[in-house]
């Protein structure tokens, strides 16, 4: 069994979103993304499917020229290779589920 918390040790960064690995399982990597209002993650795509859960706040999630406003409690699944971007409309805590084969460093490069 593995446990973690989306609420412990939260650190907002001024210049860019904060990326933290919560834990890894045999098939996934569970990531917390903490974003201040107006921070963004530029357009990018993933080599594997992802699941995004809005734990706190709201953000605009752009997919294929369409913007989806995600609010607390919303969950979405996105297939591999689909370009998307994120803009925080308020301070946000996002849970991101990556494939075990995906790289946390890839996510970190998106926020640089």
Protein backbone atom coordinates (compact mmCIF):
# COMPACT_ATOMS: atom_id res chain seq x y z
CA UNK A 1 0.00 0.00 0.00
CA UNK A 2 1.15 3.54 -0.77
CA UNK A 3 -0.29 6.76 0.58
CA UNK A 4 0.24 10.45 0.04
CA UNK A 5 -1.62 13.73 0.43
CA UNK A 6 -2.59 16.37 -2.09
CA UNK A 7 -2.67 18.90 0.77
CA UNK A 8 0.58 18.33 2.67
CA UNK A 9 3.74 20.31 1.90
CA UNK A 10 2.12 22.50 -0.75
CA UNK A 11 4.54 25.04 -2.20
CA UNK A 12 3.35 27.55 -4.76
CA UNK A 13 6.09 28.89 -7.02
CA UNK A 14 5.96 32.47 -8.23
CA UNK A 15 7.27 32.02 -11.76
CA UNK A 16 5.90 28.64 -12.78
CA UNK A 17 3.73 25.72 -11.64
CA UNK A 18 5.18 23.37 -9.02
CA UNK A 19 5.42 19.68 -9.97
CA UNK A 20 5.67 17.00 -7.25
CA UNK A 21 5.59 13.21 -7.53
CA UNK A 22 3.16 11.89 -4.91
CA UNK A 23 4.00 8.23 -5.53
CA UNK A 24 4.39 5.55 -8.18
CA UNK A 25 2.46 2.32 -8.56
CA UNK A 26 3.16 -0.65 -10.81
CA UNK A 27 1.31 1.07 -13.66
CA UNK A 28 1.12 4.83 -12.90
CA UNK A 29 2.87 7.90 -11.57
CA UNK A 30 0.69 10.18 -9.46
CA UNK A 31 1.71 13.82 -9.77
CA UNK A 32 0.53 17.00 -8.02
CA UNK A 33 0.64 20.22 -10.01
CA UNK A 34 0.21 23.40 -7.98
CA UNK A 35 -0.50 26.55 -9.99
CA UNK A 36 -1.00 30.16 -8.96
CA UNK A 37 -3.71 32.17 -10.69
CA UNK A 38 -2.67 33.10 -14.26
CA UNK A 39 0.18 30.57 -14.44
CA UNK A 40 0.17 28.37 -17.51
CA UNK A 41 1.48 25.18 -18.95
CA UNK A 42 2.21 25.80 -22.61
CA UNK A 43 0.82 23.60 -25.36
CA UNK A 44 2.28 20.12 -25.17
CA UNK A 45 1.31 16.51 -25.76
CA UNK A 46 1.97 13.23 -24.02
CA UNK A 47 3.25 9.96 -25.46
CA UNK A 48 0.74 8.07 -23.27
CA UNK A 49 -2.85 8.66 -22.07
CA UNK A 50 -3.30 10.83 -18.95
CA UNK A 51 -6.00 11.49 -16.35
CA UNK A 52 -6.41 14.98 -14.88
CA UNK A 53 -8.36 15.67 -11.67
CA UNK A 54 -9.11 19.20 -10.45
CA UNK A 55 -8.71 18.90 -6.71
CA UNK A 56 -8.95 22.62 -5.94
CA UNK A 57 -9.52 25.78 -7.98
CA UNK A 58 -10.39 26.12 -11.62
CA UNK A 59 -8.46 26.30 -14.87
CA UNK A 60 -8.96 26.47 -18.60
CA UNK A 61 -7.86 23.25 -20.29
CA UNK A 62 -7.38 23.80 -24.01
CA UNK A 63 -7.76 20.82 -26.33
CA UNK A 64 -7.88 21.00 -30.13
CA UNK A 65 -8.94 24.68 -30.29
CA UNK A 66 -11.62 24.17 -27.62
CA UNK A 67 -11.34 25.42 -24.03
CA UNK A 68 -12.84 23.38 -21.20
CA UNK A 69 -13.20 25.14 -17.85
CA UNK A 70 -12.37 22.59 -15.18
CA UNK A 71 -13.55 23.22 -11.64
CA UNK A 72 -13.03 21.47 -8.32
CA UNK A 73 -13.99 17.80 -8.62
CA UNK A 74 -13.83 17.60 -12.43
CA UNK A 75 -11.91 14.70 -13.97
CA UNK A 76 -10.90 14.16 -17.58
CA UNK A 77 -9.04 11.51 -19.53
CA UNK A 78 -6.96 12.42 -22.55
CA UNK A 79 -5.55 10.05 -25.12
CA UNK A 80 -1.88 10.11 -26.12
CA UNK A 81 -0.56 12.66 -28.63
CA UNK A 82 -3.40 15.18 -28.16
CA UNK A 83 -2.02 18.74 -27.85
CA UNK A 84 -3.32 20.59 -24.80
CA UNK A 85 -2.53 23.58 -22.57
CA UNK A 86 -3.58 24.79 -19.11
CA UNK A 87 -4.19 28.28 -17.70
CA UNK A 88 -5.02 28.68 -14.00
CA UNK A 89 -8.07 30.90 -13.44
CA UNK A 90 -7.47 30.73 -9.65
CA UNK A 91 -4.89 29.08 -7.40
CA UNK A 92 -5.15 25.37 -8.29
CA UNK A 93 -4.19 21.92 -7.10
CA UNK A 94 -4.27 19.38 -9.93
CA UNK A 95 -3.73 15.64 -9.71
CA UNK A 96 -2.17 14.18 -12.84
CA UNK A 97 -2.00 10.44 -13.46
CA UNK A 98 0.75 9.43 -15.88
CA UNK A 99 1.59 6.05 -17.33
CA UNK A 100 4.49 4.37 -15.55
CA UNK A 101 6.32 4.53 -18.89
CA UNK A 102 5.97 8.33 -19.06
CA UNK A 103 8.57 10.71 -17.64
CA UNK A 104 8.11 13.26 -14.85
CA UNK A 105 10.98 15.20 -16.43
CA UNK A 106 8.84 15.64 -19.55
CA UNK A 107 6.19 17.35 -17.42
CA UNK A 108 8.79 19.53 -15.69
CA UNK A 109 10.10 20.70 -19.07
CA UNK A 110 6.62 21.95 -19.98
CA UNK A 111 6.66 24.45 -17.08
CA UNK A 112 10.20 25.75 -17.74
